[in-house]
Protein backbone atom coordinates (compact mmCIF):
# COMPACT_ATOMS: atom_id res chain seq x y z
CA UNK A 1 -37.03 103.60 32.63
CA UNK A 2 -35.96 107.08 31.68
CA UNK A 3 -33.50 108.76 34.03
CA UNK A 4 -34.30 112.26 35.19
CA UNK A 5 -32.11 114.06 37.69
CA UNK A 6 -34.61 115.82 39.88
CA UNK A 7 -34.54 116.81 43.56
CA UNK A 8 -36.40 114.25 45.63
CA UNK A 9 -38.19 115.07 48.88
CA UNK A 10 -38.69 111.92 50.90
CA UNK A 11 -40.92 111.12 53.85
CA UNK A 12 -42.26 107.96 55.38
CA UNK A 13 -46.02 107.58 55.71
CA UNK A 14 -47.72 107.14 59.08
CA UNK A 15 -48.26 103.49 58.15
CA UNK A 16 -44.50 102.94 58.18
CA UNK A 17 -44.04 104.87 61.39
CA UNK A 18 -46.29 102.39 63.18
CA UNK A 19 -45.75 99.16 61.26
CA UNK A 20 -41.98 98.82 61.16
CA UNK A 21 -41.24 99.40 64.88
CA UNK A 22 -43.98 96.93 65.85
CA UNK A 23 -42.56 94.27 63.55
CA UNK A 24 -38.90 94.72 64.42
CA UNK A 25 -39.06 92.41 67.41
CA UNK A 26 -41.90 90.22 66.22
CA UNK A 27 -41.69 89.94 62.42
CA UNK A 28 -44.14 87.06 62.11
CA UNK A 29 -46.84 88.39 64.42
CA UNK A 30 -50.42 89.09 63.34
CA UNK A 31 -51.29 92.27 61.49
CA UNK A 32 -51.08 95.50 63.44
CA UNK A 33 -54.48 96.73 64.58
CA UNK A 34 -53.85 100.16 63.08
CA UNK A 35 -53.30 98.80 59.58
CA UNK A 36 -56.33 98.22 57.39
CA UNK A 37 -55.16 95.74 54.79
CA UNK A 38 -56.85 96.34 51.42
CA UNK A 39 -57.62 93.48 49.05
CA UNK A 40 -57.97 95.87 46.11
CA UNK A 41 -55.22 96.49 43.59
CA UNK A 42 -54.59 99.25 41.05
CA UNK A 43 -54.51 96.43 38.50
CA UNK A 44 -57.97 95.05 39.34
CA UNK A 45 -59.46 96.88 36.33
CA UNK A 46 -58.24 93.83 34.39
CA UNK A 47 -60.76 91.54 36.10
CA UNK A 48 -63.74 92.67 34.02
CA UNK A 49 -61.72 92.07 30.82
CA UNK A 50 -61.27 88.38 31.62
CA UNK A 51 -62.05 86.28 28.55
CA UNK A 52 -61.58 89.11 26.04
CA UNK A 53 -59.79 88.30 22.79
CA UNK A 54 -58.99 89.62 19.34
CA UNK A 55 -61.95 91.33 17.68
CA UNK A 56 -63.53 92.49 20.95
CA UNK A 57 -64.34 96.13 21.62
CA UNK A 58 -64.79 96.53 25.39
CA UNK A 59 -64.46 99.60 27.56
CA UNK A 60 -61.22 99.20 29.51
CA UNK A 61 -59.15 97.48 26.82
CA UNK A 62 -57.27 100.75 26.48
CA UNK A 63 -56.13 100.33 30.08
CA UNK A 64 -54.90 96.81 29.24
CA UNK A 65 -52.92 98.28 26.35
CA UNK A 66 -51.38 100.92 28.60
CA UNK A 67 -50.48 98.20 31.15
CA UNK A 68 -48.70 96.14 28.49
CA UNK A 69 -46.99 99.22 27.07
CA UNK A 70 -45.70 100.16 30.51
CA UNK A 71 -44.10 96.79 31.08
CA UNK A 72 -42.61 96.49 27.61
CA UNK A 73 -44.90 94.06 25.79
CA UNK A 74 -46.80 96.34 23.41
CA UNK A 75 -45.67 98.98 20.98
CA UNK A 76 -47.30 100.61 17.98
CA UNK A 77 -44.00 102.18 17.02
CA UNK A 78 -44.01 100.79 13.47
CA UNK A 79 -47.61 101.85 12.78
CA UNK A 80 -47.89 105.45 11.59
CA UNK A 81 -51.52 105.53 12.74
CA UNK A 82 -50.76 104.22 16.25
CA UNK A 83 -47.79 105.51 18.20
CA UNK A 84 -49.41 104.78 21.56
CA UNK A 85 -52.50 102.83 22.59
CA UNK A 86 -55.56 105.04 22.12
CA UNK A 87 -58.67 102.87 21.76
CA UNK A 88 -60.59 99.92 23.21
CA UNK A 89 -60.08 97.59 20.23
CA UNK A 90 -58.54 94.17 20.88
CA UNK A 91 -56.45 94.26 17.70
CA UNK A 92 -53.68 92.10 16.24
CA UNK A 93 -50.93 94.04 18.02
CA UNK A 94 -52.64 93.59 21.40
CA UNK A 95 -53.13 89.87 20.79
CA UNK A 96 -49.41 89.56 20.01
CA UNK A 97 -48.54 91.49 23.20
CA UNK A 98 -50.75 89.23 25.33
CA UNK A 99 -49.04 86.18 23.79
CA UNK A 100 -45.64 87.69 24.55
CA UNK A 101 -46.67 88.27 28.17
CA UNK A 102 -48.01 84.72 28.46
CA UNK A 103 -44.85 83.25 26.95
CA UNK A 104 -42.61 85.24 29.27
CA UNK A 105 -44.43 83.98 32.37
CA UNK A 106 -44.78 80.39 31.12
CA UNK A 107 -48.55 80.58 30.60
CA UNK A 108 -50.52 79.10 27.70
CA UNK A 109 -49.87 81.43 24.75
CA UNK A 110 -53.47 81.78 23.61
CA UNK A 111 -53.57 85.53 23.04
CA UNK A 112 -56.84 85.52 25.02
CA UNK A 113 -56.98 87.27 28.37
CA UNK A 114 -57.80 84.10 30.28
CA UNK A 115 -58.14 83.71 34.04
CA UNK A 116 -54.54 82.66 34.72
CA UNK A 117 -53.20 85.57 32.71
CA UNK A 118 -55.39 88.08 34.58
CA UNK A 119 -54.41 86.48 37.90
CA UNK A 120 -50.73 87.01 37.10
CA UNK A 121 -51.21 90.56 35.83
CA UNK A 122 -53.00 91.72 38.97
CA UNK A 123 -50.27 90.61 41.39
CA UNK A 124 -48.00 93.21 43.05
CA UNK A 125 -44.72 93.72 41.26
CA UNK A 126 -41.65 95.83 40.56
CA UNK A 127 -42.27 98.92 38.44
CA UNK A 128 -39.37 98.29 36.04
CA UNK A 129 -40.37 97.08 32.57
CA UNK A 130 -39.85 93.39 31.77
CA UNK A 131 -38.73 94.02 28.19
CA UNK A 132 -36.26 96.85 28.44
CA UNK A 133 -33.15 95.15 27.31
CA UNK A 134 -31.25 92.11 26.20
CA UNK A 135 -32.86 88.77 27.00
CA UNK A 136 -30.15 86.23 27.75
CA UNK A 137 -30.65 82.55 26.98
CA UNK A 138 -27.56 80.58 27.85
CA UNK A 139 -27.13 76.84 27.38
CA UNK A 140 -24.00 76.18 29.37
CA UNK A 141 -21.63 73.48 28.18
CA UNK A 142 -19.92 73.20 31.52
CA UNK A 143 -21.44 72.63 34.96
CA UNK A 144 -25.10 73.02 34.06
CA UNK A 145 -25.37 71.41 30.67
CA UNK A 146 -29.18 71.30 30.56
CA UNK A 147 -29.77 74.59 32.34
CA UNK A 148 -31.41 77.57 30.69
CA UNK A 149 -30.62 81.02 32.05
CA UNK A 150 -33.46 83.53 32.09
CA UNK A 151 -31.70 86.65 33.32
CA UNK A 152 -31.54 89.79 31.18
CA UNK A 153 -29.70 93.09 31.01
CA UNK A 154 -30.72 96.66 30.30
CA UNK A 155 -30.73 97.67 26.63
CA UNK A 156 -27.21 99.10 26.54
CA UNK A 157 -25.89 96.67 29.15
CA UNK A 158 -25.37 99.54 31.56
CA UNK A 159 -22.96 98.66 34.33
CA UNK A 160 -20.68 100.30 36.83
CA UNK A 161 -17.14 101.02 35.58
CA UNK A 162 -14.21 99.20 37.22
CA UNK A 163 -13.40 102.37 39.16
CA UNK A 164 -16.79 102.12 40.95
CA UNK A 165 -16.86 98.61 42.38
CA UNK A 166 -16.78 100.06 45.89
CA UNK A 167 -20.19 101.71 46.07
CA UNK A 168 -21.70 103.87 48.79
CA UNK A 169 -25.39 104.03 49.62
CA UNK A 170 -27.41 106.38 51.78
CA UNK A 171 -30.97 106.79 53.03
CA UNK A 172 -33.01 109.93 52.56
CA UNK A 173 -33.45 112.13 55.64
CA UNK A 174 -36.38 110.93 57.73
CA UNK A 175 -35.95 107.23 56.95
CA UNK A 176 -36.43 105.14 60.08
CA UNK A 177 -33.36 103.27 61.31
CA UNK A 178 -35.44 100.08 61.60
CA UNK A 179 -36.00 100.17 57.85
CA UNK A 180 -32.28 100.58 57.13
CA UNK A 181 -31.12 97.32 58.70
CA UNK A 182 -32.83 94.82 56.33
CA UNK A 183 -31.87 96.92 53.30
CA UNK A 184 -28.25 96.99 54.46
CA UNK A 185 -28.39 93.20 54.78
CA UNK A 186 -29.55 92.93 51.16
CA UNK A 187 -26.46 94.83 50.02
CA UNK A 188 -24.28 92.37 51.91
CA UNK A 189 -26.02 89.43 50.24
CA UNK A 190 -25.11 90.85 46.82
CA UNK A 191 -21.56 91.59 48.01
CA UNK A 192 -21.10 87.95 49.01
CA UNK A 193 -21.68 86.73 45.44
CA UNK A 194 -20.13 89.56 43.42
CA UNK A 195 -16.99 91.68 43.23
CA UNK A 196 -18.88 94.67 44.66
CA UNK A 197 -18.33 96.18 48.08
CA UNK A 198 -20.94 98.42 49.69
CA UNK A 199 -20.60 100.98 52.43
CA UNK A 200 -23.22 103.19 53.98
CA UNK A 201 -22.57 106.92 53.47
CA UNK A 202 -23.91 109.52 55.86
CA UNK A 203 -24.29 112.17 53.16
CA UNK A 204 -27.37 111.35 51.06
CA UNK A 205 -26.40 113.74 48.26
CA UNK A 206 -22.89 112.31 47.84
CA UNK A 207 -23.74 108.60 47.90
CA UNK A 208 -23.56 106.50 44.73
CA UNK A 209 -26.92 104.92 45.57
CA UNK A 210 -29.77 106.90 47.13
CA UNK A 211 -32.67 105.08 48.84
CA UNK A 212 -35.99 106.71 49.68
CA UNK A 213 -39.66 106.05 50.37
CA UNK A 214 -41.90 107.97 47.98
CA UNK A 215 -45.60 108.48 47.30
CA UNK A 216 -47.56 108.90 44.06
CA UNK A 217 -45.95 111.26 41.58
CA UNK A 218 -42.53 111.80 43.12
CA UNK A 219 -40.81 113.58 40.25
CA UNK A 220 -39.08 110.85 38.27
CA UNK A 221 -41.76 110.21 35.65
CA UNK A 222 -42.71 106.84 37.18
CA UNK A 223 -45.50 107.49 39.67
CA UNK A 224 -46.45 105.02 42.37
CA UNK A 225 -50.06 103.83 42.50
CA UNK A 226 -50.97 103.37 46.16
CA UNK A 227 -51.43 100.06 47.95
CA UNK A 228 -50.75 97.03 45.76
CA UNK A 229 -49.72 97.31 42.14
CA UNK A 230 -46.18 98.64 41.92
CA UNK A 231 -44.14 98.17 45.10
CA UNK A 232 -40.81 99.75 44.19
CA UNK A 233 -38.49 100.59 41.32
CA UNK A 234 -34.82 101.28 40.72
CA UNK A 235 -32.61 102.49 37.90
CA UNK A 236 -29.84 100.96 35.84
CA UNK A 237 -26.23 102.03 36.48
CA UNK A 238 -25.04 104.59 37.11
CA UNK A 239 -28.08 106.65 38.09
CA UNK A 240 -28.27 105.01 41.52
CA UNK A 241 -31.83 105.60 42.74
CA UNK A 242 -34.01 103.09 44.62
CA UNK A 243 -37.56 104.10 45.50
CA UNK A 244 -40.00 102.22 47.73
CA UNK A 245 -43.71 103.02 47.54
CA UNK A 246 -44.38 104.45 50.99
CA UNK A 247 -48.10 103.62 50.73
CA UNK A 248 -47.41 99.87 50.86
CA UNK A 249 -47.62 97.90 54.13
CA UNK A 250 -43.96 97.05 54.79
CA UNK A 251 -42.58 94.56 57.26
CA UNK A 252 -39.33 93.14 58.52
CA UNK A 253 -39.72 89.44 57.85
CA UNK A 254 -42.62 87.42 56.50
CA UNK A 255 -46.02 88.68 57.59
CA UNK A 256 -49.27 87.99 55.75
CA UNK A 257 -50.52 91.06 53.93
CA UNK A 258 -47.19 92.89 54.22
CA UNK A 259 -44.14 93.13 51.96
CA UNK A 260 -40.70 92.27 53.27
CA UNK A 261 -38.25 95.17 52.97
CA UNK A 262 -35.17 92.99 52.51
CA UNK A 263 -36.74 90.82 49.78
CA UNK A 264 -37.71 93.89 47.76
CA UNK A 265 -34.29 95.47 48.37
CA UNK A 266 -32.53 92.38 46.98
CA UNK A 267 -34.55 92.67 43.78
CA UNK A 268 -34.07 96.41 43.32
CA UNK A 269 -30.32 96.26 44.07
CA UNK A 270 -30.09 93.82 41.17
CA UNK A 271 -31.41 96.60 38.93
CA UNK A 272 -28.96 99.08 40.44
CA UNK A 273 -26.10 96.73 39.48
CA UNK A 274 -27.35 96.26 35.91
CA UNK A 275 -29.67 93.26 35.88
CA UNK A 276 -33.11 93.56 34.30
CA UNK A 277 -35.88 91.05 35.01
CA UNK A 278 -35.76 87.27 34.89
CA UNK A 279 -38.60 84.94 33.89
CA UNK A 280 -37.33 82.35 36.40
CA UNK A 281 -39.91 82.40 39.20
CA UNK A 282 -37.42 81.43 41.92
CA UNK A 283 -34.94 84.14 40.94
CA UNK A 284 -34.65 87.34 42.94
CA UNK A 285 -34.98 89.25 39.66
CA UNK A 286 -38.43 87.78 38.92
CA UNK A 287 -40.67 90.87 38.69
CA UNK A 288 -43.57 89.72 40.89
CA UNK A 289 -43.21 89.87 44.66
CA UNK A 290 -45.79 88.34 47.00
CA UNK A 291 -46.84 89.53 50.42
CA UNK A 292 -46.22 87.37 53.45
CA UNK A 293 -43.09 85.72 52.04
CA UNK A 294 -39.35 86.28 52.01
CA UNK A 295 -36.75 85.51 49.34
CA UNK A 296 -33.42 86.21 50.97
CA UNK A 297 -30.95 84.21 48.88
CA UNK A 298 -29.75 84.85 45.36
CA UNK A 299 -30.79 82.20 42.82
CA UNK A 300 -28.16 80.74 40.49
CA UNK A 301 -29.88 82.64 37.66
CA UNK A 302 -29.19 85.93 39.47
CA UNK A 303 -25.57 85.00 40.13
CA UNK A 304 -24.95 83.80 36.58
CA UNK A 305 -26.51 86.99 35.26
CA UNK A 306 -24.44 89.44 37.30
CA UNK A 307 -21.23 87.53 36.60
CA UNK A 308 -21.99 87.40 32.87
CA UNK A 309 -22.59 91.15 32.80
CA UNK A 310 -19.24 91.90 34.46
CA UNK A 311 -17.25 88.98 33.07
CA UNK A 312 -14.79 91.20 31.20
CA UNK A 313 -13.70 92.93 34.41
């Protein structure tokens, strides 16, 4: 994700103003009456493409191409006639991209947009690309002799220098205190398994890591898309920005139809420290994040990944 240093103006939506306080003391209660949970997703355009395959020309295939470009599976970079997706043809390059996506998520690599592939694609997820860096496959000869590691790093293995292992974080003005507590807990979970120490800073502008809730086009070139779709995104070191989509229904704890703040924070902090996505479904760095569930512990794949990235320090 390209880094752009731009001033960010952050506010919480009215949804957050009502949802988070009501869930603070009762995180597993029923949905708030004032929240109208939507079953639609910005990715539901994929549904009518189900069953499409190489050779098809169907309106909407361009959107599939743009989806796969966004998340790092498709590129026409070596084709002088196609720099970016620009038509509705299910061509050889698209078939290869669909196979790559299916392989990454342990689906049948048919190259056809089958039901299971569409079902995976339409789930809510992190906005960071899956193929932005170095995929790490590690067959350990020590404690986990048959274990395969699925973690990955950003393309240049960006990481914090040794002089910045004590990091500060701050919340944008207007962020509710109830939202800060679970995010602060996520930092402590990472601290417990790494050499990093985290401290909250009162000055948002001076903090190493800046956390905010944003809506739509918020000035960083990676717009949010409303309810569902992309939930949050963060940047590789040392840019230090974590953005939540303020239009999502957030909760503290597991609540059906809502997304747990701490679970998402754990994932995005991994990006802030230098980890890209993992294809291990139980890992925190797995890109898809479901509503109504919590993942509050680091997986061994996450821990192996962060330690491998910083092993020389």
